Protein backbone atom coordinates (compact mmCIF):
# COMPACT_ATOMS: atom_id res chain seq x y z
CA MET A 1 0.06 0.08 -0.07
CA GLY A 2 2.53 2.41 0.72
CA ALA A 3 4.24 1.92 -2.59
CA ILE A 4 1.17 2.77 -4.11
CA LEU A 5 0.69 6.01 -2.38
CA ILE A 6 4.53 6.94 -2.97
CA SER A 7 3.68 6.20 -6.76
CA ARG A 8 0.51 8.41 -6.74
CA ARG A 9 2.57 11.29 -4.93
CA ILE A 10 5.40 11.12 -7.56
CA TRP A 11 2.84 10.90 -10.50
CA ARG A 12 0.94 13.80 -8.96
CA ARG A 13 4.08 15.88 -8.66
CA GLU A 14 5.13 15.02 -12.10
CA HIS A 15 1.73 15.92 -13.39
CA ASP A 16 1.62 19.25 -11.57
CA ASN A 17 5.00 20.13 -12.66
CA ARG A 18 4.25 19.49 -16.28
CA HIS A 19 1.17 21.02 -16.77
CA GLN A 20 2.51 24.28 -14.65
CA GLU A 21 5.13 24.57 -17.38
CA GLU A 22 2.73 24.01 -20.27
CA ASP A 23 0.24 26.66 -18.88
CA GLY A 24 3.09 29.12 -18.71
CA GLU A 25 4.04 28.40 -22.33
CA GLU A 26 0.42 28.47 -23.19
CA ASP A 27 -0.21 31.94 -21.58
CA ARG A 28 2.64 33.36 -23.77
CA GLU A 29 1.38 31.89 -26.83
CA ASN A 30 -2.14 32.90 -26.08
CA ASN A 31 -1.15 36.17 -24.90
CA GLY A 32 -2.34 35.25 -21.42
CA GLU A 33 -5.95 34.83 -23.09
CA ARG A 34 -7.17 31.48 -21.03
CA GLU A 35 -10.82 32.43 -20.34
CA GLU A 36 -13.40 29.74 -21.21
CA THR A 37 -17.26 29.88 -20.98
CA GLU A 38 -18.51 27.64 -18.31
CA GLU A 39 -21.65 25.48 -18.51
CA ASP A 40 -22.81 22.99 -16.30
CA ASP A 41 -21.45 19.91 -18.18
CA PHE A 42 -18.66 21.43 -20.06
CA ALA A 43 -16.50 24.57 -20.71
CA TYR A 44 -15.75 25.72 -24.07
CA SER A 45 -13.11 28.25 -25.68
CA PRO A 46 -14.31 31.64 -27.06
CA GLY A 47 -15.51 31.79 -30.62
CA ILE A 48 -16.29 27.89 -30.58
CA GLU A 49 -19.33 28.27 -32.50
CA ARG A 50 -17.29 29.60 -35.65
CA ALA A 51 -14.44 27.10 -35.20
CA GLU A 52 -14.02 24.39 -38.02
CA VAL A 53 -11.71 22.27 -35.77
CA VAL A 54 -12.89 21.47 -32.25
CA ILE A 55 -10.96 19.51 -29.96
CA ALA A 56 -13.07 17.76 -27.36
CA THR A 57 -11.46 16.26 -24.14
CA TYR A 58 -11.58 15.95 -20.54
CA GLY A 59 -8.95 15.44 -17.72
CA ARG A 60 -5.10 15.74 -17.92
CA VAL A 61 -4.90 16.36 -21.83
CA SER A 62 -6.94 19.32 -21.56
CA SER A 63 -3.85 21.67 -21.36
CA ALA A 64 -2.38 19.92 -24.34
CA ALA A 65 -5.65 20.34 -26.16
CA ARG A 66 -5.51 24.14 -25.73
CA GLY A 67 -1.85 24.24 -26.65
CA ALA A 68 -2.95 22.44 -30.14
CA ALA A 69 -5.89 24.80 -30.55
CA VAL A 70 -3.23 27.76 -30.29
CA ARG A 71 -1.10 26.29 -32.94
CA LEU A 72 -4.11 25.25 -35.37
CA ASN A 73 -5.58 28.93 -34.88
CA GLU A 74 -2.39 29.97 -37.10
CA LYS A 75 -4.02 28.28 -40.06
CA ARG A 76 -7.69 27.66 -39.33
CA ARG A 77 -10.26 28.53 -36.65
CA ALA A 78 -10.06 26.09 -33.74
CA GLY A 79 -11.67 25.67 -30.35
CA VAL A 80 -11.62 23.44 -27.32
CA LEU A 81 -14.58 21.71 -25.55
CA ARG A 82 -13.59 20.42 -22.20
CA LEU A 83 -16.06 18.00 -20.51
CA LYS A 84 -16.76 18.30 -16.78
CA LYS A 85 -18.50 15.24 -16.73
CA ILE A 86 -18.65 12.20 -19.01
CA PHE A 87 -22.31 10.95 -18.46
CA PRO A 88 -24.70 11.68 -19.40
CA LEU A 89 -24.02 14.12 -22.28
CA ASP A 90 -26.56 16.61 -23.84
CA PHE A 91 -25.54 15.77 -27.51
CA ASN A 92 -28.09 18.19 -29.00
CA LYS A 93 -26.69 21.10 -27.04
CA ILE A 94 -23.33 20.03 -27.91
CA ALA A 95 -24.13 19.59 -31.42
CA SER A 96 -25.77 23.29 -31.71
CA LEU A 97 -22.43 24.46 -29.99
CA LEU A 98 -20.28 22.79 -32.63
CA LYS A 99 -22.57 23.82 -35.60
CA SER A 100 -19.74 25.05 -37.75
CA ALA A 101 -17.24 22.23 -37.19
CA LYS A 102 -16.01 20.45 -40.10
CA THR A 103 -13.84 18.14 -37.69
CA VAL A 104 -14.14 17.19 -34.02
CA CYS A 105 -10.99 15.59 -32.48
CA PHE A 106 -11.95 13.72 -29.33
CA LEU A 107 -8.81 13.39 -27.25
CA GLU A 108 -8.96 10.24 -24.77
CA GLU A 109 -6.14 9.44 -22.51
CA GLY A 110 -7.71 5.98 -22.03
CA SER A 111 -8.74 3.07 -24.11
CA LYS A 112 -10.37 3.72 -27.48
CA THR A 113 -12.32 0.64 -27.44
CA GLY A 114 -15.23 1.15 -25.20
CA GLY A 115 -14.25 4.65 -23.96
CA ILE A 116 -16.22 7.79 -23.79
CA GLY A 117 -14.63 9.03 -27.09
CA GLU A 118 -16.57 6.27 -28.85
CA LYS A 119 -19.75 7.23 -27.13
CA PHE A 120 -19.31 10.93 -28.10
CA ALA A 121 -18.73 10.05 -31.85
CA ALA A 122 -21.71 8.03 -31.70
CA GLY A 123 -23.49 10.86 -30.08
CA LEU A 124 -22.55 13.23 -32.79
CA SER A 125 -22.85 10.82 -35.68
CA GLY A 126 -24.55 12.63 -38.80
CA LYS A 127 -24.06 15.97 -37.27
CA CYS A 128 -20.35 16.27 -38.05
CA LYS A 129 -17.08 14.39 -38.48
CA VAL A 130 -15.55 13.17 -35.20
CA PHE A 131 -12.31 10.99 -34.86
CA VAL A 132 -11.13 9.65 -31.65
CA HIS A 133 -7.41 10.06 -30.48
CA ALA A 134 -6.99 7.46 -27.77
CA ILE A 135 -4.76 4.49 -26.70
CA GLU A 136 -5.21 1.45 -28.79
CA GLY A 137 -4.13 -1.91 -26.93
CA PHE A 138 -2.31 -1.81 -23.78
CA ALA A 139 -0.28 1.31 -22.80
CA GLY A 140 3.37 0.83 -21.79
CA GLN A 141 5.08 2.30 -18.55
CA GLY A 142 6.92 5.30 -18.28
CA SER A 143 6.50 8.72 -16.81
CA LEU A 144 3.56 10.69 -17.66
CA GLY A 145 5.58 12.91 -19.94
CA GLU A 146 7.11 9.69 -21.85
CA LEU A 147 3.72 7.97 -22.23
CA PHE A 148 2.03 11.43 -23.41
CA GLU A 149 4.87 11.83 -26.14
CA GLU A 150 4.62 7.99 -27.05
CA TYR A 151 0.71 8.05 -27.51
CA GLY A 152 0.57 11.61 -29.09
CA PHE A 153 -0.85 13.63 -26.24
CA THR A 154 1.20 16.82 -26.67
CA SER A 155 0.04 19.88 -28.42
CA GLU A 156 2.65 19.29 -31.31
CA LYS A 157 1.29 15.59 -31.96
CA ILE A 158 -2.04 16.45 -31.47
CA THR A 159 -1.70 19.44 -34.01
CA GLU A 160 0.06 17.17 -36.64
CA GLU A 161 -2.67 14.51 -36.32
CA ILE A 162 -5.52 17.08 -37.06
CA GLU A 163 -3.47 18.68 -39.89
CA ARG A 164 -2.81 15.47 -41.39
CA ARG A 165 -6.49 14.54 -41.31
CA PHE A 166 -7.51 17.84 -42.77
CA SER A 167 -5.14 17.42 -45.52
CA ASP A 168 -6.53 13.84 -46.20
CA ASP A 169 -9.97 15.23 -46.33
CA ASP A 170 -8.73 17.88 -49.08
CA THR A 171 -7.41 14.91 -51.23
CA GLY A 172 -10.09 12.58 -50.46
CA ASN A 173 -8.14 9.88 -48.39
CA ALA A 174 -9.72 10.63 -45.21
CA GLU A 175 -10.06 7.48 -42.92
């Protein structure tokens, strides 16, 4: 039991330090603008109603999602939808908020199979294109930073994945 508590403390310290550093970088990149509109079930970035790309997520990957949105905004309108709860979700309300979105990327640091990302994609089926970026199979071991890098949960890798999907759409090769 003691080893588990120590592991959790180490993880928490790594997690907090990593996100404090990312948040500082993000503030500089975004000129300090980090305001979100808060709803009961979710929060979202300003202008999300006009975004052509929306990154939906929850939990620890939210800061990487915000960083990716900042990068994506250099080429196209992007926004972030951060879920505060994962069940139940009001998909009609979410769909009306994402009415301009051509693509929604759902980031889930858990398993792709059977996760909330699949439920989210199914709930928005026919309303917009949704792809889920999640872990397929079993995750390896490592520090949080190593695992986020390996599984593509950094703002750089999220941006690359979304840009790749957009270029595939433009050429008719979308997955």
